Amino acid sequence: MQIFTYSVLGVGFLFFMSGLVGWVAGASEMLCVLRLYLMMLILAVAGEIGGIVALNLLQLRLDDVLINGWAEVNQGTRNIVQTNFNCCGFYGPKEFAYTNYPLSNSCYDTIQEVTKETFTDAHQLKQNGCGAPLKFWLDDNKAIWCSILAALGGLQLMCIILCIHIIHKLKDKAGYKRASDKRRLHDEKGAYSL
């Protein structure tokens, strides 16, 4: 199952649609579109909080998330990781031993030997897996990615507060705060008068 991929795509689509609806709502100043935008923001924040609670309830560790992510990314992304971290596979090249998956060129180090008479390119298989370096990289950069996620959450909270403020200002501007005795539900002259 590709839960990780679909959840990332779903969150990206939700952010895109939320931004588009927010832009339309702000430009048009229509209450129904502003309310839709507010509901989308509240659903996004509730989904993020629900995801955090679900990860804590399921007691998923970072290792489990990395393993699932590694299984779902394409070979091009794996090649980039394998090249940058100088590794092969998640656990090492032994994970390819009993499968039909081919070893990528990024799993090999090219060793060039130059002598007076010959020039040879030898390929040596990388023996380290990418799981440990990925975990160390995430642990080392935890302050950066937690700050980015906190900034995005703060931005969403600010958008919710701003949207509520705009809705209240539009209600005051349009005169929605009238008393019920001043409201006219019908025309006093009659329904068909000109």
C-alpha atoms as a PDB file:
ATOM      1  CA  MET A   1       0.000   0.000   0.000  1.00  0.00           C
ATOM      2  CA  GLN A   2       1.216   3.477  -0.808  1.00  0.00           C
ATOM      3  CA  ILE A   3      -0.316   5.317   2.114  1.00  0.00           C
ATOM      4  CA  PHE A   4       2.625   7.708   2.469  1.00  0.00           C
ATOM      5  CA  THR A   5       2.503   8.799  -1.169  1.00  0.00           C
ATOM      6  CA  TYR A   6      -1.255   9.274  -1.241  1.00  0.00           C
ATOM      7  CA  SER A   7      -1.286  11.158   2.053  1.00  0.00           C
ATOM      8  CA  VAL A   8       1.427  13.559   0.835  1.00  0.00           C
ATOM      9  CA  LEU A   9      -0.451  14.081  -2.434  1.00  0.00           C
ATOM     10  CA  GLY A  10      -3.699  14.635  -0.517  1.00  0.00           C
ATOM     11  CA  VAL A  11      -2.118  17.206   1.794  1.00  0.00           C
ATOM     12  CA  GLY A  12      -0.560  18.999  -1.171  1.00  0.00           C
ATOM     13  CA  PHE A  13      -3.885  19.079  -3.005  1.00  0.00           C
ATOM     14  CA  LEU A  14      -5.644  20.340   0.139  1.00  0.00           C
ATOM     15  CA  PHE A  15      -3.096  23.153   0.540  1.00  0.00           C
ATOM     16  CA  PHE A  16      -3.428  24.092  -3.130  1.00  0.00           C
ATOM     17  CA  MET A  17      -7.225  24.154  -3.064  1.00  0.00           C
ATOM     18  CA  SER A  18      -7.254  25.966   0.261  1.00  0.00           C
ATOM     19  CA  GLY A  19      -4.945  28.645  -1.107  1.00  0.00           C
ATOM     20  CA  LEU A  20      -6.994  29.000  -4.276  1.00  0.00           C
ATOM     21  CA  VAL A  21     -10.280  29.277  -2.374  1.00  0.00           C
ATOM     22  CA  GLY A  22      -8.638  31.720   0.061  1.00  0.00           C
ATOM     23  CA  TRP A  23      -7.446  33.927  -2.766  1.00  0.00           C
ATOM     24  CA  VAL A  24     -10.886  33.915  -4.408  1.00  0.00           C
ATOM     25  CA  ALA A  25     -12.538  34.573  -1.032  1.00  0.00           C
ATOM     26  CA  GLY A  26     -10.271  37.495  -0.262  1.00  0.00           C
ATOM     27  CA  ALA A  27     -10.621  39.020  -3.699  1.00  0.00           C
ATOM     28  CA  SER A  28     -14.395  38.625  -3.963  1.00  0.00           C
ATOM     29  CA  GLU A  29     -15.304  39.312  -0.309  1.00  0.00           C
ATOM     30  CA  MET A  30     -18.207  36.890  -0.546  1.00  0.00           C
ATOM     31  CA  LEU A  31     -19.285  35.460   2.790  1.00  0.00           C
ATOM     32  CA  CYS A  32     -20.074  31.975   1.478  1.00  0.00           C
ATOM     33  CA  VAL A  33     -16.625  31.611  -0.090  1.00  0.00           C
ATOM     34  CA  LEU A  34     -14.972  32.978   3.049  1.00  0.00           C
ATOM     35  CA  ARG A  35     -16.859  30.439   5.141  1.00  0.00           C
ATOM     36  CA  LEU A  36     -15.790  27.665   2.765  1.00  0.00           C
ATOM     37  CA  TYR A  37     -12.179  28.824   3.125  1.00  0.00           C
ATOM     38  CA  LEU A  38     -12.525  28.896   6.905  1.00  0.00           C
ATOM     39  CA  MET A  39     -13.926  25.352   6.919  1.00  0.00           C
ATOM     40  CA  MET A  40     -11.071  24.144   4.685  1.00  0.00           C
ATOM     41  CA  LEU A  41      -8.531  25.683   7.048  1.00  0.00           C
ATOM     42  CA  ILE A  42     -10.172  24.143  10.092  1.00  0.00           C
ATOM     43  CA  LEU A  43     -10.306  20.733   8.362  1.00  0.00           C
ATOM     44  CA  ALA A  44      -6.626  21.010   7.429  1.00  0.00           C
ATOM     45  CA  VAL A  45      -5.597  21.833  11.005  1.00  0.00           C
ATOM     46  CA  ALA A  46      -7.852  19.070  12.359  1.00  0.00           C
ATOM     47  CA  GLY A  47      -6.304  16.618   9.884  1.00  0.00           C
ATOM     48  CA  GLU A  48      -2.796  17.591  10.937  1.00  0.00           C
ATOM     49  CA  ILE A  49      -3.665  17.222  14.625  1.00  0.00           C
ATOM     50  CA  GLY A  50      -5.365  13.898  13.844  1.00  0.00           C
ATOM     51  CA  GLY A  51      -2.257  12.707  12.013  1.00  0.00           C
ATOM     52  CA  ILE A  52      -0.041  13.580  14.964  1.00  0.00           C
ATOM     53  CA  VAL A  53      -2.405  11.834  17.385  1.00  0.00           C
ATOM     54  CA  ALA A  54      -2.616   8.781  15.110  1.00  0.00           C
ATOM     55  CA  LEU A  55       1.178   8.548  14.888  1.00  0.00           C
ATOM     56  CA  ASN A  56       1.398   8.728  18.677  1.00  0.00           C
ATOM     57  CA  LEU A  57      -1.409   6.218  19.245  1.00  0.00           C
ATOM     58  CA  LEU A  58       0.040   3.755  16.757  1.00  0.00           C
ATOM     59  CA  GLN A  59       3.447   4.378  18.352  1.00  0.00           C
ATOM     60  CA  LEU A  60       5.137   4.578  14.993  1.00  0.00           C
ATOM     61  CA  ARG A  61       8.790   5.306  15.266  1.00  0.00           C
ATOM     62  CA  LEU A  62      10.866   7.286  12.832  1.00  0.00           C
ATOM     63  CA  ASP A  63      12.412   4.025  11.603  1.00  0.00           C
ATOM     64  CA  ASP A  64       8.990   2.708  10.555  1.00  0.00           C
ATOM     65  CA  VAL A  65       8.161   5.935   8.733  1.00  0.00           C
ATOM     66  CA  LEU A  66      11.509   5.829   6.921  1.00  0.00           C
ATOM     67  CA  ILE A  67      11.068   2.189   5.909  1.00  0.00           C
ATOM     68  CA  ASN A  68       7.577   2.872   4.500  1.00  0.00           C
ATOM     69  CA  GLY A  69       8.805   6.022   2.763  1.00  0.00           C
ATOM     70  CA  TRP A  70      11.757   4.160   1.229  1.00  0.00           C
ATOM     71  CA  ALA A  71       9.440   1.456  -0.084  1.00  0.00           C
ATOM     72  CA  GLU A  72       7.193   4.017  -1.762  1.00  0.00           C
ATOM     73  CA  VAL A  73       9.646   6.437  -3.393  1.00  0.00           C
ATOM     74  CA  ASN A  74      10.697   5.915  -6.974  1.00  0.00           C
ATOM     75  CA  GLN A  75      14.128   4.727  -8.081  1.00  0.00           C
ATOM     76  CA  GLY A  76      15.234   8.214  -9.119  1.00  0.00           C
ATOM     77  CA  THR A  77      14.738   9.504  -5.572  1.00  0.00           C
ATOM     78  CA  ARG A  78      16.533   6.468  -4.163  1.00  0.00           C
ATOM     79  CA  ASN A  79      19.438   7.115  -6.529  1.00  0.00           C
ATOM     80  CA  ILE A  80      19.743  10.699  -5.269  1.00  0.00           C
ATOM     81  CA  VAL A  81      19.768   9.505  -1.646  1.00  0.00           C
ATOM     82  CA  GLN A  82      22.224   6.678  -2.419  1.00  0.00           C
ATOM     83  CA  THR A  83      24.579   9.066  -4.179  1.00  0.00           C
ATOM     84  CA  ASN A  84      24.459  11.770  -1.488  1.00  0.00           C
ATOM     85  CA  PHE A  85      24.796   9.405   1.481  1.00  0.00           C
ATOM     86  CA  ASN A  86      27.207   6.999  -0.266  1.00  0.00           C
ATOM     87  CA  CYS A  87      25.022   3.967   0.453  1.00  0.00           C
ATOM     88  CA  CYS A  88      23.077   1.226  -1.304  1.00  0.00           C
ATOM     89  CA  GLY A  89      19.532   0.113  -0.459  1.00  0.00           C
ATOM     90  CA  PHE A  90      17.868   0.731   2.878  1.00  0.00           C
ATOM     91  CA  TYR A  91      19.663  -2.060   4.746  1.00  0.00           C
ATOM     92  CA  GLY A  92      22.540  -2.512   2.314  1.00  0.00           C
ATOM     93  CA  PRO A  93      23.046  -4.444  -0.918  1.00  0.00           C
ATOM     94  CA  LYS A  94      21.952  -7.716   0.695  1.00  0.00           C
ATOM     95  CA  GLU A  95      18.297  -6.665   0.331  1.00  0.00           C
ATOM     96  CA  PHE A  96      18.673  -7.159  -3.438  1.00  0.00           C
ATOM     97  CA  ALA A  97      19.976 -10.726  -3.037  1.00  0.00           C
ATOM     98  CA  TYR A  98      16.651 -12.587  -3.270  1.00  0.00           C
ATOM     99  CA  THR A  99      14.689 -10.176  -5.452  1.00  0.00           C
ATOM    100  CA  ASN A 100      14.472  -9.403  -9.129  1.00  0.00           C
ATOM    101  CA  TYR A 101      15.213  -5.725  -8.552  1.00  0.00           C
ATOM    102  CA  PRO A 102      18.342  -4.625 -10.382  1.00  0.00           C
ATOM    103  CA  LEU A 103      21.100  -2.788  -8.581  1.00  0.00           C
ATOM    104  CA  SER A 104      21.304   0.807  -9.666  1.00  0.00           C
ATOM    105  CA  ASN A 105      24.523   2.466 -10.781  1.00  0.00           C
ATOM    106  CA  SER A 106      24.291   4.673  -7.694  1.00  0.00           C
ATOM    107  CA  CYS A 107      25.091   1.559  -5.615  1.00  0.00           C
ATOM    108  CA  TYR A 108      28.571   1.410  -7.069  1.00  0.00           C
ATOM    109  CA  ASP A 109      31.651   3.489  -6.428  1.00  0.00           C
ATOM    110  CA  THR A 110      33.730   4.041  -9.525  1.00  0.00           C
ATOM    111  CA  ILE A 111      37.398   3.564  -8.842  1.00  0.00           C
ATOM    112  CA  GLN A 112      39.682   4.775 -11.571  1.00  0.00           C
ATOM    113  CA  GLU A 113      43.109   3.227 -11.748  1.00  0.00           C
ATOM    114  CA  VAL A 114      45.625   4.962 -13.931  1.00  0.00           C
ATOM    115  CA  THR A 115      48.963   3.445 -14.734  1.00  0.00           C
ATOM    116  CA  LYS A 116      51.425   4.261 -17.498  1.00  0.00           C
ATOM    117  CA  GLU A 117      50.059   1.597 -19.787  1.00  0.00           C
ATOM    118  CA  THR A 118      46.359   1.270 -18.871  1.00  0.00           C
ATOM    119  CA  PHE A 119      43.358   3.192 -17.659  1.00  0.00           C
ATOM    120  CA  THR A 120      40.683   1.096 -15.970  1.00  0.00           C
ATOM    121  CA  ASP A 121      37.349   1.825 -14.356  1.00  0.00           C
ATOM    122  CA  ALA A 122      36.505  -0.597 -11.582  1.00  0.00           C
ATOM    123  CA  HIS A 123      33.143  -0.649  -9.830  1.00  0.00           C
ATOM    124  CA  GLN A 124      33.017  -1.405  -6.136  1.00  0.00           C
ATOM    125  CA  LEU A 125      29.666  -2.141  -4.472  1.00  0.00           C
ATOM    126  CA  LYS A 126      28.770   0.138  -1.561  1.00  0.00           C
ATOM    127  CA  GLN A 127      28.206  -1.950   1.547  1.00  0.00           C
ATOM    128  CA  ASN A 128      26.399   0.520   3.830  1.00  0.00           C
ATOM    129  CA  GLY A 129      22.621   0.859   3.880  1.00  0.00           C
ATOM    130  CA  CYS A 130      20.831   4.219   3.653  1.00  0.00           C
ATOM    131  CA  GLY A 131      18.545   3.688   6.660  1.00  0.00           C
ATOM    132  CA  ALA A 132      20.991   4.782   9.368  1.00  0.00           C
ATOM    133  CA  PRO A 133      22.333   7.853   7.491  1.00  0.00           C
ATOM    134  CA  LEU A 134      18.768   8.986   6.729  1.00  0.00           C
ATOM    135  CA  LYS A 135      17.792   8.677  10.390  1.00  0.00           C
ATOM    136  CA  PHE A 136      20.924  10.543  11.509  1.00  0.00           C
ATOM    137  CA  TRP A 137      20.258  13.279   8.929  1.00  0.00           C
ATOM    138  CA  LEU A 138      16.670  13.704  10.147  1.00  0.00           C
ATOM    139  CA  ASP A 139      17.804  13.729  13.785  1.00  0.00           C
ATOM    140  CA  ASP A 140      20.551  16.272  13.047  1.00  0.00           C
ATOM    141  CA  ASN A 141      18.141  18.551  11.152  1.00  0.00           C
ATOM    142  CA  LYS A 142      15.199  18.092  13.527  1.00  0.00           C
ATOM    143  CA  ALA A 143      15.303  21.740  14.597  1.00  0.00           C
ATOM    144  CA  ILE A 144      15.010  22.887  10.971  1.00  0.00           C
ATOM    145  CA  TRP A 145      12.126  20.692   9.878  1.00  0.00           C
ATOM    146  CA  CYS A 146      10.236  21.120  13.169  1.00  0.00           C
ATOM    147  CA  SER A 147      10.609  24.904  12.801  1.00  0.00           C
ATOM    148  CA  ILE A 148       9.291  24.758   9.242  1.00  0.00           C
ATOM    149  CA  LEU A 149       6.295  22.657  10.312  1.00  0.00           C
ATOM    150  CA  ALA A 150       5.618  24.986  13.255  1.00  0.00           C
ATOM    151  CA  ALA A 151       5.800  28.007  10.928  1.00  0.00           C
ATOM    152  CA  LEU A 152       3.289  26.381   8.564  1.00  0.00           C
ATOM    153  CA  GLY A 153       0.972  25.631  11.489  1.00  0.00           C
ATOM    154  CA  GLY A 154       1.312  29.218  12.705  1.00  0.00           C
ATOM    155  CA  LEU A 155       0.554  30.491   9.223  1.00  0.00           C
ATOM    156  CA  GLN A 156      -2.603  28.375   9.121  1.00  0.00           C
ATOM    157  CA  LEU A 157      -3.667  29.642  12.542  1.00  0.00           C
ATOM    158  CA  MET A 158      -3.054  33.224  11.421  1.00  0.00           C
ATOM    159  CA  CYS A 159      -5.154  32.606   8.291  1.00  0.00           C
ATOM    160  CA  ILE A 160      -8.003  31.242  10.435  1.00  0.00           C
ATOM    161  CA  ILE A 161      -7.939  34.295  12.693  1.00  0.00           C
ATOM    162  CA  LEU A 162      -7.730  36.667   9.722  1.00  0.00           C
ATOM    163  CA  CYS A 163     -10.605  34.907   7.947  1.00  0.00           C
ATOM    164  CA  ILE A 164     -12.810  35.156  11.049  1.00  0.00           C
ATOM    165  CA  HIS A 165     -11.922  38.855  11.337  1.00  0.00           C
ATOM    166  CA  ILE A 166     -12.816  39.491   7.673  1.00  0.00           C
ATOM    167  CA  ILE A 167     -16.126  37.641   8.053  1.00  0.00           C
ATOM    168  CA  HIS A 168     -17.061  39.779  11.068  1.00  0.00           C
ATOM    169  CA  LYS A 169     -16.048  42.999   9.284  1.00  0.00           C
ATOM    170  CA  LEU A 170     -18.134  42.066   6.225  1.00  0.00           C
ATOM    171  CA  LYS A 171     -21.129  41.275   8.422  1.00  0.00           C
ATOM    172  CA  ASP A 172     -20.809  44.681  10.117  1.00  0.00           C
ATOM    173  CA  LYS A 173     -20.344  46.416   6.765  1.00  0.00           C
ATOM    174  CA  ALA A 174     -23.384  44.767   5.197  1.00  0.00           C
ATOM    175  CA  GLY A 175     -25.635  45.454   8.172  1.00  0.00           C
ATOM    176  CA  TYR A 176     -26.230  41.872   9.237  1.00  0.00           C
ATOM    177  CA  LYS A 177     -26.413  42.957  12.878  1.00  0.00           C
ATOM    178  CA  ARG A 178     -29.924  44.477  12.521  1.00  0.00           C
ATOM    179  CA  ALA A 179     -32.537  43.712  15.097  1.00  0.00           C
ATOM    180  CA  SER A 180     -35.129  41.108  14.155  1.00  0.00           C
ATOM    181  CA  ASP A 181     -38.002  43.637  14.255  1.00  0.00           C
ATOM    182  CA  LYS A 182     -36.355  45.717  11.511  1.00  0.00           C
ATOM    183  CA  ARG A 183     -35.971  42.790   9.141  1.00  0.00           C
ATOM    184  CA  ARG A 184     -38.477  42.627   6.337  1.00  0.00           C
ATOM    185  CA  LEU A 185     -39.231  39.184   5.112  1.00  0.00           C
ATOM    186  CA  HIS A 186     -41.789  40.406   2.526  1.00  0.00           C
ATOM    187  CA  ASP A 187     -42.661  43.519   0.560  1.00  0.00           C
ATOM    188  CA  GLU A 188     -45.404  45.566   2.296  1.00  0.00           C
ATOM    189  CA  LYS A 189     -46.959  46.661  -1.010  1.00  0.00           C
ATOM    190  CA  GLY A 190     -47.629  43.107  -2.057  1.00  0.00           C
ATOM    191  CA  ALA A 191     -45.822  40.345  -3.776  1.00  0.00           C
ATOM    192  CA  TYR A 192     -46.643  41.455  -7.330  1.00  0.00           C
ATOM    193  CA  SER A 193     -46.482  45.248  -7.056  1.00  0.00           C
ATOM    194  CA  LEU A 194     -44.367  47.283  -9.439  1.00  0.00           C
END
